Amino acid sequence: MTYVIAEPCVDLKDKACIEECPVDCIYEGQRALYIHPDECVDCGACEPVCPVEAIFYEDDTPEEWKDYYKANVEFFDELGSPGGASKLGLIERDHPFIAALPPQSHDE
């Protein structure tokens, strides 16, 4: 099991979760953040600090956002397991599902 970052994060990328993650497993894509399923230790530290409530435990992801689990996992198919997001910085791509989304509005 792992945590999933869903639609409220797309085009926002607040990054409070990155600061809180003790194992550096939250990677930054072009439009969204992704949690590496093999590097995440399921501590849950990221979930309460997300200001838009975009992070869910895999089994608790709302039905409308179930596709985000697949996007989070498949984002790493090509990347593998680099062993930490900070050494990579921004990854200049997104999962095709995320890339195809229309721009997300985030009203303050």
PDB file of N, CA and C in Angstrom:
ATOM      1  N   MET A   1       0.833  -1.185   0.000  1.00  0.00           N
ATOM      2  CA  MET A   1       0.000   0.000   0.000  1.00  0.00           C
ATOM      3  C   MET A   1       0.879   1.251   0.000  1.00  0.00           C
ATOM      4  N   THR A   2       0.298   2.339  -0.476  1.00  0.00           N
ATOM      5  CA  THR A   2       1.024   3.598  -0.531  1.00  0.00           C
ATOM      6  C   THR A   2       0.035   4.748  -0.489  1.00  0.00           C
ATOM      7  N   TYR A   3       0.564   5.934  -0.441  1.00  0.00           N
ATOM      8  CA  TYR A   3      -0.259   7.132  -0.527  1.00  0.00           C
ATOM      9  C   TYR A   3      -0.317   7.602  -1.967  1.00  0.00           C
ATOM     10  N   VAL A   4      -1.387   8.336  -2.293  1.00  0.00           N
ATOM     11  CA  VAL A   4      -1.659   8.791  -3.650  1.00  0.00           C
ATOM     12  C   VAL A   4      -1.922  10.293  -3.608  1.00  0.00           C
ATOM     13  N   ILE A   5      -1.379  11.004  -4.582  1.00  0.00           N
ATOM     14  CA  ILE A   5      -1.676  12.428  -4.728  1.00  0.00           C
ATOM     15  C   ILE A   5      -2.675  12.560  -5.870  1.00  0.00           C
ATOM     16  N   ALA A   6      -3.824  13.185  -5.588  1.00  0.00           N
ATOM     17  CA  ALA A   6      -4.922  13.253  -6.549  1.00  0.00           C
ATOM     18  C   ALA A   6      -5.096  14.655  -7.145  1.00  0.00           C
ATOM     19  N   GLU A   7      -6.196  14.827  -7.823  1.00  0.00           N
ATOM     20  CA  GLU A   7      -6.460  16.016  -8.637  1.00  0.00           C
ATOM     21  C   GLU A   7      -6.270  17.373  -7.964  1.00  0.00           C
ATOM     22  N   PRO A   8      -6.608  17.558  -6.686  1.00  0.00           N
ATOM     23  CA  PRO A   8      -6.440  18.900  -6.115  1.00  0.00           C
ATOM     24  C   PRO A   8      -5.005  19.445  -6.190  1.00  0.00           C
ATOM     25  N   CYS A   9      -4.029  18.572  -6.386  1.00  0.00           N
ATOM     26  CA  CYS A   9      -2.634  19.004  -6.478  1.00  0.00           C
ATOM     27  C   CYS A   9      -2.243  19.444  -7.891  1.00  0.00           C
ATOM     28  N   VAL A  10      -2.952  18.982  -8.892  1.00  0.00           N
ATOM     29  CA  VAL A  10      -2.579  19.274 -10.279  1.00  0.00           C
ATOM     30  C   VAL A  10      -2.583  20.787 -10.504  1.00  0.00           C
ATOM     31  N   ASP A  11      -1.499  21.292 -11.043  1.00  0.00           N
ATOM     32  CA  ASP A  11      -1.284  22.715 -11.324  1.00  0.00           C
ATOM     33  C   ASP A  11      -1.186  23.577 -10.071  1.00  0.00           C
ATOM     34  N   LEU A  12      -1.048  22.971  -8.913  1.00  0.00           N
ATOM     35  CA  LEU A  12      -0.883  23.725  -7.666  1.00  0.00           C
ATOM     36  C   LEU A  12       0.498  23.460  -7.065  1.00  0.00           C
ATOM     37  N   LYS A  13       0.793  22.203  -6.802  1.00  0.00           N
ATOM     38  CA  LYS A  13       2.092  21.766  -6.270  1.00  0.00           C
ATOM     39  C   LYS A  13       2.557  22.633  -5.088  1.00  0.00           C
ATOM     40  N   ASP A  14       1.776  22.644  -4.022  1.00  0.00           N
ATOM     41  CA  ASP A  14       2.101  23.419  -2.819  1.00  0.00           C
ATOM     42  C   ASP A  14       3.443  23.016  -2.212  1.00  0.00           C
ATOM     43  N   LYS A  15       3.775  21.761  -2.230  1.00  0.00           N
ATOM     44  CA  LYS A  15       5.038  21.181  -1.775  1.00  0.00           C
ATOM     45  C   LYS A  15       5.225  21.106  -0.250  1.00  0.00           C
ATOM     46  N   ALA A  16       4.203  21.413   0.533  1.00  0.00           N
ATOM     47  CA  ALA A  16       4.313  21.239   1.984  1.00  0.00           C
ATOM     48  C   ALA A  16       4.585  19.774   2.306  1.00  0.00           C
ATOM     49  N   CYS A  17       4.034  18.880   1.506  1.00  0.00           N
ATOM     50  CA  CYS A  17       4.229  17.439   1.715  1.00  0.00           C
ATOM     51  C   CYS A  17       5.694  17.044   1.509  1.00  0.00           C
ATOM     52  N   ILE A  18       6.349  17.676   0.564  1.00  0.00           N
ATOM     53  CA  ILE A  18       7.763  17.376   0.305  1.00  0.00           C
ATOM     54  C   ILE A  18       8.605  17.714   1.527  1.00  0.00           C
ATOM     55  N   GLU A  19       8.311  18.856   2.134  1.00  0.00           N
ATOM     56  CA  GLU A  19       9.043  19.283   3.339  1.00  0.00           C
ATOM     57  C   GLU A  19       8.842  18.304   4.487  1.00  0.00           C
ATOM     58  N   GLU A  20       7.672  17.706   4.561  1.00  0.00           N
ATOM     59  CA  GLU A  20       7.317  16.831   5.676  1.00  0.00           C
ATOM     60  C   GLU A  20       7.771  15.388   5.496  1.00  0.00           C
ATOM     61  N   CYS A  21       8.005  14.973   4.262  1.00  0.00           N
ATOM     62  CA  CYS A  21       8.327  13.571   3.974  1.00  0.00           C
ATOM     63  C   CYS A  21       9.712  13.186   4.511  1.00  0.00           C
ATOM     64  N   PRO A  22       9.775  12.216   5.443  1.00  0.00           N
ATOM     65  CA  PRO A  22      11.067  11.840   6.030  1.00  0.00           C
ATOM     66  C   PRO A  22      11.942  10.981   5.115  1.00  0.00           C
ATOM     67  N   VAL A  23      11.370  10.419   4.048  1.00  0.00           N
ATOM     68  CA  VAL A  23      12.150   9.536   3.176  1.00  0.00           C
ATOM     69  C   VAL A  23      12.347  10.090   1.765  1.00  0.00           C
ATOM     70  N   ASP A  24      11.942  11.344   1.532  1.00  0.00           N
ATOM     71  CA  ASP A  24      12.190  12.016   0.246  1.00  0.00           C
ATOM     72  C   ASP A  24      11.622  11.233  -0.930  1.00  0.00           C
ATOM     73  N   CYS A  25      10.359  10.777  -0.804  1.00  0.00           N
ATOM     74  CA  CYS A  25       9.763   9.939  -1.855  1.00  0.00           C
ATOM     75  C   CYS A  25       8.700  10.657  -2.676  1.00  0.00           C
ATOM     76  N   ILE A  26       8.575  11.979  -2.518  1.00  0.00           N
ATOM     77  CA  ILE A  26       7.588  12.744  -3.278  1.00  0.00           C
ATOM     78  C   ILE A  26       8.320  13.503  -4.368  1.00  0.00           C
ATOM     79  N   TYR A  27       8.045  13.123  -5.596  1.00  0.00           N
ATOM     80  CA  TYR A  27       8.750  13.650  -6.763  1.00  0.00           C
ATOM     81  C   TYR A  27       7.897  14.704  -7.455  1.00  0.00           C
ATOM     82  N   GLU A  28       8.561  15.688  -8.044  1.00  0.00           N
ATOM     83  CA  GLU A  28       7.864  16.775  -8.716  1.00  0.00           C
ATOM     84  C   GLU A  28       7.877  16.584 -10.225  1.00  0.00           C
ATOM     85  N   GLY A  29       6.682  16.436 -10.781  1.00  0.00           N
ATOM     86  CA  GLY A  29       6.524  16.411 -12.231  1.00  0.00           C
ATOM     87  C   GLY A  29       6.212  17.807 -12.722  1.00  0.00           C
ATOM     88  N   GLN A  30       5.942  17.936 -13.993  1.00  0.00           N
ATOM     89  CA  GLN A  30       5.665  19.235 -14.594  1.00  0.00           C
ATOM     90  C   GLN A  30       4.427  19.908 -13.993  1.00  0.00           C
ATOM     91  N   ARG A  31       3.341  19.146 -13.820  1.00  0.00           N
ATOM     92  CA  ARG A  31       2.077  19.716 -13.339  1.00  0.00           C
ATOM     93  C   ARG A  31       1.601  19.167 -12.003  1.00  0.00           C
ATOM     94  N   ALA A  32       2.236  18.108 -11.507  1.00  0.00           N
ATOM     95  CA  ALA A  32       1.757  17.465 -10.285  1.00  0.00           C
ATOM     96  C   ALA A  32       2.916  16.845  -9.520  1.00  0.00           C
ATOM     97  N   LEU A  33       2.628  16.453  -8.289  1.00  0.00           N
ATOM     98  CA  LEU A  33       3.578  15.727  -7.454  1.00  0.00           C
ATOM     99  C   LEU A  33       3.172  14.257  -7.438  1.00  0.00           C
ATOM    100  N   TYR A  34       4.163  13.384  -7.266  1.00  0.00           N
ATOM    101  CA  TYR A  34       3.933  11.935  -7.308  1.00  0.00           C
ATOM    102  C   TYR A  34       4.658  11.270  -6.139  1.00  0.00           C
ATOM    103  N   ILE A  35       3.993  10.334  -5.484  1.00  0.00           N
ATOM    104  CA  ILE A  35       4.599   9.579  -4.387  1.00  0.00           C
ATOM    105  C   ILE A  35       5.096   8.254  -4.944  1.00  0.00           C
ATOM    106  N   HIS A  36       6.382   7.980  -4.750  1.00  0.00           N
ATOM    107  CA  HIS A  36       6.963   6.730  -5.252  1.00  0.00           C
ATOM    108  C   HIS A  36       6.449   5.569  -4.404  1.00  0.00           C
ATOM    109  N   PRO A  37       5.737   4.617  -5.012  1.00  0.00           N
ATOM    110  CA  PRO A  37       5.116   3.539  -4.234  1.00  0.00           C
ATOM    111  C   PRO A  37       6.103   2.597  -3.566  1.00  0.00           C
ATOM    112  N   ASP A  38       7.309   2.464  -4.102  1.00  0.00           N
ATOM    113  CA  ASP A  38       8.295   1.569  -3.487  1.00  0.00           C
ATOM    114  C   ASP A  38       9.165   2.273  -2.447  1.00  0.00           C
ATOM    115  N   GLU A  39       9.233   3.571  -2.506  1.00  0.00           N
ATOM    116  CA  GLU A  39      10.059   4.325  -1.559  1.00  0.00           C
ATOM    117  C   GLU A  39       9.261   4.838  -0.366  1.00  0.00           C
ATOM    118  N   CYS A  40       7.940   4.966  -0.526  1.00  0.00           N
ATOM    119  CA  CYS A  40       7.073   5.448   0.550  1.00  0.00           C
ATOM    120  C   CYS A  40       7.044   4.414   1.678  1.00  0.00           C
ATOM    121  N   VAL A  41       7.184   4.890   2.900  1.00  0.00           N
ATOM    122  CA  VAL A  41       7.161   3.990   4.057  1.00  0.00           C
ATOM    123  C   VAL A  41       5.810   4.042   4.793  1.00  0.00           C
ATOM    124  N   ASP A  42       4.826   4.637   4.149  1.00  0.00           N
ATOM    125  CA  ASP A  42       3.462   4.703   4.674  1.00  0.00           C
ATOM    126  C   ASP A  42       3.373   5.356   6.050  1.00  0.00           C
ATOM    127  N   CYS A  43       4.201   6.361   6.290  1.00  0.00           N
ATOM    128  CA  CYS A  43       4.174   7.022   7.595  1.00  0.00           C
ATOM    129  C   CYS A  43       2.998   7.977   7.726  1.00  0.00           C
ATOM    130  N   GLY A  44       2.497   8.496   6.598  1.00  0.00           N
ATOM    131  CA  GLY A  44       1.352   9.392   6.631  1.00  0.00           C
ATOM    132  C   GLY A  44       1.669  10.830   6.978  1.00  0.00           C
ATOM    133  N   ALA A  45       2.936  11.185   7.106  1.00  0.00           N
ATOM    134  CA  ALA A  45       3.305  12.555   7.483  1.00  0.00           C
ATOM    135  C   ALA A  45       2.859  13.588   6.447  1.00  0.00           C
ATOM    136  N   CYS A  46       2.776  13.180   5.202  1.00  0.00           N
ATOM    137  CA  CYS A  46       2.420  14.101   4.123  1.00  0.00           C
ATOM    138  C   CYS A  46       0.938  14.474   4.127  1.00  0.00           C
ATOM    139  N   GLU A  47       0.104  13.556   4.515  1.00  0.00           N
ATOM    140  CA  GLU A  47      -1.349  13.736   4.381  1.00  0.00           C
ATOM    141  C   GLU A  47      -1.904  14.949   5.138  1.00  0.00           C
ATOM    142  N   PRO A  48      -1.617  15.112   6.427  1.00  0.00           N
ATOM    143  CA  PRO A  48      -2.238  16.231   7.151  1.00  0.00           C
ATOM    144  C   PRO A  48      -1.700  17.615   6.765  1.00  0.00           C
ATOM    145  N   VAL A  49      -0.533  17.697   6.158  1.00  0.00           N
ATOM    146  CA  VAL A  49       0.017  19.014   5.821  1.00  0.00           C
ATOM    147  C   VAL A  49      -0.419  19.516   4.452  1.00  0.00           C
ATOM    148  N   CYS A  50      -1.090  18.685   3.676  1.00  0.00           N
ATOM    149  CA  CYS A  50      -1.544  19.086   2.344  1.00  0.00           C
ATOM    150  C   CYS A  50      -2.679  20.103   2.492  1.00  0.00           C
ATOM    151  N   PRO A  51      -2.477  21.340   2.023  1.00  0.00           N
ATOM    152  CA  PRO A  51      -3.499  22.371   2.218  1.00  0.00           C
ATOM    153  C   PRO A  51      -4.762  22.170   1.371  1.00  0.00           C
ATOM    154  N   VAL A  52      -4.689  21.340   0.335  1.00  0.00           N
ATOM    155  CA  VAL A  52      -5.852  21.115  -0.522  1.00  0.00           C
ATOM    156  C   VAL A  52      -6.411  19.698  -0.384  1.00  0.00           C
ATOM    157  N   GLU A  53      -5.920  18.961   0.597  1.00  0.00           N
ATOM    158  CA  GLU A  53      -6.389  17.595   0.878  1.00  0.00           C
ATOM    159  C   GLU A  53      -6.357  16.720  -0.371  1.00  0.00           C
ATOM    160  N   ALA A  54      -5.192  16.685  -1.024  1.00  0.00           N
ATOM    161  CA  ALA A  54      -5.012  15.913  -2.257  1.00  0.00           C
ATOM    162  C   ALA A  54      -4.375  14.549  -2.012  1.00  0.00           C
ATOM    163  N   ILE A  55      -3.926  14.276  -0.789  1.00  0.00           N
ATOM    164  CA  ILE A  55      -3.195  13.042  -0.496  1.00  0.00           C
ATOM    165  C   ILE A  55      -4.098  12.064   0.257  1.00  0.00           C
ATOM    166  N   PHE A  56      -4.132  10.847  -0.273  1.00  0.00           N
ATOM    167  CA  PHE A  56      -4.991   9.812   0.304  1.00  0.00           C
ATOM    168  C   PHE A  56      -4.221   8.508   0.434  1.00  0.00           C
ATOM    169  N   TYR A  57      -4.547   7.743   1.480  1.00  0.00           N
ATOM    170  CA  TYR A  57      -4.057   6.377   1.547  1.00  0.00           C
ATOM    171  C   TYR A  57      -4.702   5.647   0.373  1.00  0.00           C
ATOM    172  N   GLU A  58      -3.953   4.807  -0.286  1.00  0.00           N
ATOM    173  CA  GLU A  58      -4.403   4.133  -1.516  1.00  0.00           C
ATOM    174  C   GLU A  58      -5.855   3.642  -1.440  1.00  0.00           C
ATOM    175  N   ASP A  59      -6.205   2.906  -0.405  1.00  0.00           N
ATOM    176  CA  ASP A  59      -7.552   2.342  -0.277  1.00  0.00           C
ATOM    177  C   ASP A  59      -8.618   3.390   0.046  1.00  0.00           C
ATOM    178  N   ASP A  60      -8.186   4.582   0.479  1.00  0.00           N
ATOM    179  CA  ASP A  60      -9.132   5.635   0.855  1.00  0.00           C
ATOM    180  C   ASP A  60      -9.302   6.702  -0.228  1.00  0.00           C
ATOM    181  N   THR A  61      -8.685   6.497  -1.373  1.00  0.00           N
ATOM    182  CA  THR A  61      -8.803   7.469  -2.460  1.00  0.00           C
ATOM    183  C   THR A  61     -10.254   7.500  -2.937  1.00  0.00           C
ATOM    184  N   PRO A  62     -10.859   8.694  -3.002  1.00  0.00           N
ATOM    185  CA  PRO A  62     -12.244   8.777  -3.479  1.00  0.00           C
ATOM    186  C   PRO A  62     -12.399   8.166  -4.873  1.00  0.00           C
ATOM    187  N   GLU A  63     -13.534   7.563  -5.097  1.00  0.00           N
ATOM    188  CA  GLU A  63     -13.803   6.865  -6.361  1.00  0.00           C
ATOM    189  C   GLU A  63     -13.518   7.747  -7.577  1.00  0.00           C
ATOM    190  N   GLU A  64     -13.869   9.004  -7.496  1.00  0.00           N
ATOM    191  CA  GLU A  64     -13.683   9.915  -8.632  1.00  0.00           C
ATOM    192  C   GLU A  64     -12.205  10.129  -8.981  1.00  0.00           C
ATOM    193  N   TRP A  65     -11.315   9.795  -8.063  1.00  0.00           N
ATOM    194  CA  TRP A  65      -9.883  10.005  -8.276  1.00  0.00           C
ATOM    195  C   TRP A  65      -9.080   8.697  -8.273  1.00  0.00           C
ATOM    196  N   LYS A  66      -9.735   7.576  -8.444  1.00  0.00           N
ATOM    197  CA  LYS A  66      -9.049   6.273  -8.436  1.00  0.00           C
ATOM    198  C   LYS A  66      -7.966   6.179  -9.504  1.00  0.00           C
ATOM    199  N   ASP A  67      -8.136   6.853 -10.659  1.00  0.00           N
ATOM    200  CA  ASP A  67      -7.133   6.808 -11.725  1.00  0.00           C
ATOM    201  C   ASP A  67      -5.805   7.433 -11.312  1.00  0.00           C
ATOM    202  N   TYR A  68      -5.810   8.227 -10.267  1.00  0.00           N
ATOM    203  CA  TYR A  68      -4.569   8.858  -9.809  1.00  0.00           C
ATOM    204  C   TYR A  68      -3.619   7.839  -9.190  1.00  0.00           C
ATOM    205  N   TYR A  69      -4.157   6.759  -8.651  1.00  0.00           N
ATOM    206  CA  TYR A  69      -3.274   5.702  -8.135  1.00  0.00           C
ATOM    207  C   TYR A  69      -2.419   5.152  -9.278  1.00  0.00           C
ATOM    208  N   LYS A  70      -3.059   4.798 -10.368  1.00  0.00           N
ATOM    209  CA  LYS A  70      -2.350   4.258 -11.528  1.00  0.00           C
ATOM    210  C   LYS A  70      -1.330   5.279 -12.057  1.00  0.00           C
ATOM    211  N   ALA A  71      -1.731   6.537 -12.123  1.00  0.00           N
ATOM    212  CA  ALA A  71      -0.819   7.587 -12.603  1.00  0.00           C
ATOM    213  C   ALA A  71       0.388   7.721 -11.690  1.00  0.00           C
ATOM    214  N   ASN A  72       0.170   7.656 -10.358  1.00  0.00           N
ATOM    215  CA  ASN A  72       1.285   7.754  -9.415  1.00  0.00           C
ATOM    216  C   ASN A  72       2.251   6.596  -9.580  1.00  0.00           C
ATOM    217  N   VAL A  73       1.734   5.393  -9.763  1.00  0.00           N
ATOM    218  CA  VAL A  73       2.588   4.208  -9.911  1.00  0.00           C
ATOM    219  C   VAL A  73       3.315   4.226 -11.250  1.00  0.00           C
ATOM    220  N   GLU A  74       2.575   4.446 -12.326  1.00  0.00           N
ATOM    221  CA  GLU A  74       3.165   4.382 -13.665  1.00  0.00           C
ATOM    222  C   GLU A  74       4.124   5.526 -13.972  1.00  0.00           C
ATOM    223  N   PHE A  75       4.028   6.620 -13.242  1.00  0.00           N
ATOM    224  CA  PHE A  75       4.971   7.726 -13.430  1.00  0.00           C
ATOM    225  C   PHE A  75       6.409   7.243 -13.243  1.00  0.00           C
ATOM    226  N   PHE A  76       6.583   6.218 -12.413  1.00  0.00           N
ATOM    227  CA  PHE A  76       7.924   5.720 -12.092  1.00  0.00           C
ATOM    228  C   PHE A  76       8.364   4.538 -12.951  1.00  0.00           C
ATOM    229  N   ASP A  77       7.532   4.088 -13.880  1.00  0.00           N
ATOM    230  CA  ASP A  77       7.905   2.969 -14.749  1.00  0.00           C
ATOM    231  C   ASP A  77       9.216   3.252 -15.474  1.00  0.00           C
ATOM    232  N   GLU A  78       9.319   4.409 -16.055  1.00  0.00           N
ATOM    233  CA  GLU A  78      10.514   4.793 -16.806  1.00  0.00           C
ATOM    234  C   GLU A  78      11.635   5.266 -15.880  1.00  0.00           C
ATOM    235  N   LEU A  79      11.267   5.902 -14.800  1.00  0.00           N
ATOM    236  CA  LEU A  79      12.226   6.506 -13.874  1.00  0.00           C
ATOM    237  C   LEU A  79      12.897   5.480 -12.959  1.00  0.00           C
ATOM    238  N   GLY A  80      12.184   4.413 -12.658  1.00  0.00           N
ATOM    239  CA  GLY A  80      12.714   3.418 -11.725  1.00  0.00           C
ATOM    240  C   GLY A  80      12.610   3.909 -10.297  1.00  0.00           C
ATOM    241  N   SER A  81      13.569   3.503  -9.476  1.00  0.00           N
ATOM    242  CA  SER A  81      13.593   3.907  -8.075  1.00  0.00           C
ATOM    243  C   SER A  81      14.897   4.646  -7.798  1.00  0.00           C
ATOM    244  N   PRO A  82      14.896   5.967  -8.013  1.00  0.00           N
ATOM    245  CA  PRO A  82      16.124   6.747  -7.860  1.00  0.00           C
ATOM    246  C   PRO A  82      16.635   6.862  -6.429  1.00  0.00           C
ATOM    247  N   GLY A  83      15.791   6.551  -5.440  1.00  0.00           N
ATOM    248  CA  GLY A  83      16.235   6.605  -4.057  1.00  0.00           C
ATOM    249  C   GLY A  83      16.230   7.987  -3.460  1.00  0.00           C
ATOM    250  N   GLY A  84      15.345   8.832  -3.921  1.00  0.00           N
ATOM    251  CA  GLY A  84      15.204  10.166  -3.351  1.00  0.00           C
ATOM    252  C   GLY A  84      14.911  11.223  -4.396  1.00  0.00           C
ATOM    253  N   ALA A  85      13.907  12.016  -4.109  1.00  0.00           N
ATOM    254  CA  ALA A  85      13.452  13.018  -5.067  1.00  0.00           C
ATOM    255  C   ALA A  85      14.351  14.246  -5.118  1.00  0.00           C
ATOM    256  N   SER A  86      14.954  14.617  -3.999  1.00  0.00           N
ATOM    257  CA  SER A  86      15.691  15.879  -3.951  1.00  0.00           C
ATOM    258  C   SER A  86      16.873  15.920  -4.911  1.00  0.00           C
ATOM    259  N   LYS A  87      17.478  14.777  -5.167  1.00  0.00           N
ATOM    260  CA  LYS A  87      18.623  14.778  -6.084  1.00  0.00           C
ATOM    261  C   LYS A  87      18.217  14.933  -7.549  1.00  0.00           C
ATOM    262  N   LEU A  88      16.930  14.697  -7.857  1.00  0.00           N
ATOM    263  CA  LEU A  88      16.456  14.830  -9.235  1.00  0.00           C
ATOM    264  C   LEU A  88      15.855  16.194  -9.533  1.00  0.00           C
ATOM    265  N   GLY A  89      15.229  16.805  -8.533  1.00  0.00           N
ATOM    266  CA  GLY A  89      14.550  18.066  -8.769  1.00  0.00           C
ATOM    267  C   GLY A  89      13.342  17.876  -9.674  1.00  0.00           C
ATOM    268  N   LEU A  90      12.989  18.922 -10.417  1.00  0.00           N
ATOM    269  CA  LEU A  90      11.843  18.875 -11.307  1.00  0.00           C
ATOM    270  C   LEU A  90      12.068  17.874 -12.431  1.00  0.00           C
ATOM    271  N   ILE A  91      11.105  17.004 -12.624  1.00  0.00           N
ATOM    272  CA  ILE A  91      11.139  16.046 -13.728  1.00  0.00           C
ATOM    273  C   ILE A  91      10.262  16.653 -14.818  1.00  0.00           C
ATOM    274  N   GLU A  92      10.816  16.900 -15.958  1.00  0.00           N
ATOM    275  CA  GLU A  92      10.155  17.667 -17.017  1.00  0.00           C
ATOM    276  C   GLU A  92       9.097  16.870 -17.789  1.00  0.00           C
ATOM    277  N   ARG A  93       8.264  16.145 -17.070  1.00  0.00           N
ATOM    278  CA  ARG A  93       7.176  15.397 -17.701  1.00  0.00           C
ATOM    279  C   ARG A  93       6.145  15.050 -16.634  1.00  0.00           C
ATOM    280  N   ASP A  94       5.030  14.530 -17.092  1.00  0.00           N
ATOM    281  CA  ASP A  94       3.976  14.030 -16.216  1.00  0.00           C
ATOM    282  C   ASP A  94       3.467  12.717 -16.789  1.00  0.00           C
ATOM    283  N   HIS A  95       2.730  11.984 -15.990  1.00  0.00           N
ATOM    284  CA  HIS A  95       2.035  10.803 -16.502  1.00  0.00           C
ATOM    285  C   HIS A  95       1.062  11.307 -17.563  1.00  0.00           C
ATOM    286  N   PRO A  96       0.859  10.564 -18.657  1.00  0.00           N
ATOM    287  CA  PRO A  96      -0.052  11.002 -19.721  1.00  0.00           C
ATOM    288  C   PRO A  96      -1.461  11.376 -19.226  1.00  0.00           C
ATOM    289  N   PHE A  97      -1.954  10.682 -18.218  1.00  0.00           N
ATOM    290  CA  PHE A  97      -3.274  11.006 -17.653  1.00  0.00           C
ATOM    291  C   PHE A  97      -3.289  12.421 -17.097  1.00  0.00           C
ATOM    292  N   ILE A  98      -2.229  12.788 -16.378  1.00  0.00           N
ATOM    293  CA  ILE A  98      -2.128  14.127 -15.784  1.00  0.00           C
ATOM    294  C   ILE A  98      -1.888  15.161 -16.882  1.00  0.00           C
ATOM    295  N   ALA A  99      -0.984  14.848 -17.802  1.00  0.00           N
ATOM    296  CA  ALA A  99      -0.653  15.786 -18.880  1.00  0.00           C
ATOM    297  C   ALA A  99      -1.878  16.126 -19.732  1.00  0.00           C
ATOM    298  N   ALA A 100      -2.800  15.187 -19.878  1.00  0.00           N
ATOM    299  CA  ALA A 100      -3.983  15.399 -20.712  1.00  0.00           C
ATOM    300  C   ALA A 100      -5.097  16.179 -20.030  1.00  0.00           C
ATOM    301  N   LEU A 101      -4.984  16.395 -18.724  1.00  0.00           N
ATOM    302  CA  LEU A 101      -6.025  17.133 -18.009  1.00  0.00           C
ATOM    303  C   LEU A 101      -6.059  18.584 -18.459  1.00  0.00           C
ATOM    304  N   PRO A 102      -7.257  19.190 -18.498  1.00  0.00           N
ATOM    305  CA  PRO A 102      -7.303  20.620 -18.779  1.00  0.00           C
ATOM    306  C   PRO A 102      -6.670  21.372 -17.605  1.00  0.00           C
ATOM    307  N   PRO A 103      -6.230  22.608 -17.818  1.00  0.00           N
ATOM    308  CA  PRO A 103      -5.663  23.386 -16.707  1.00  0.00           C
ATOM    309  C   PRO A 103      -6.637  23.439 -15.525  1.00  0.00           C
ATOM    310  N   GLN A 104      -6.078  23.245 -14.349  1.00  0.00           N
ATOM    311  CA  GLN A 104      -6.898  23.233 -13.130  1.00  0.00           C
ATOM    312  C   GLN A 104      -6.910  24.625 -12.506  1.00  0.00           C
ATOM    313  N   SER A 105      -8.081  25.087 -12.159  1.00  0.00           N
ATOM    314  CA  SER A 105      -8.247  26.377 -11.508  1.00  0.00           C
ATOM    315  C   SER A 105      -8.147  26.168 -10.007  1.00  0.00           C
ATOM    316  N   HIS A 106      -7.411  27.047  -9.348  1.00  0.00           N
ATOM    317  CA  HIS A 106      -7.281  26.978  -7.885  1.00  0.00           C
ATOM    318  C   HIS A 106      -7.623  28.338  -7.316  1.00  0.00           C
ATOM    319  N   ASP A 107      -8.897  28.564  -7.079  1.00  0.00           N
ATOM    320  CA  ASP A 107      -9.341  29.843  -6.537  1.00  0.00           C
ATOM    321  C   ASP A 107      -8.920  29.952  -5.084  1.00  0.00           C
ATOM    322  N   GLU A 108      -8.426  31.100  -4.757  1.00  0.00           N
ATOM    323  CA  GLU A 108      -7.967  31.340  -3.385  1.00  0.00           C
ATOM    324  C   GLU A 108      -9.132  31.577  -2.464  1.00  0.00           C
TER     325      GLU A 108
END
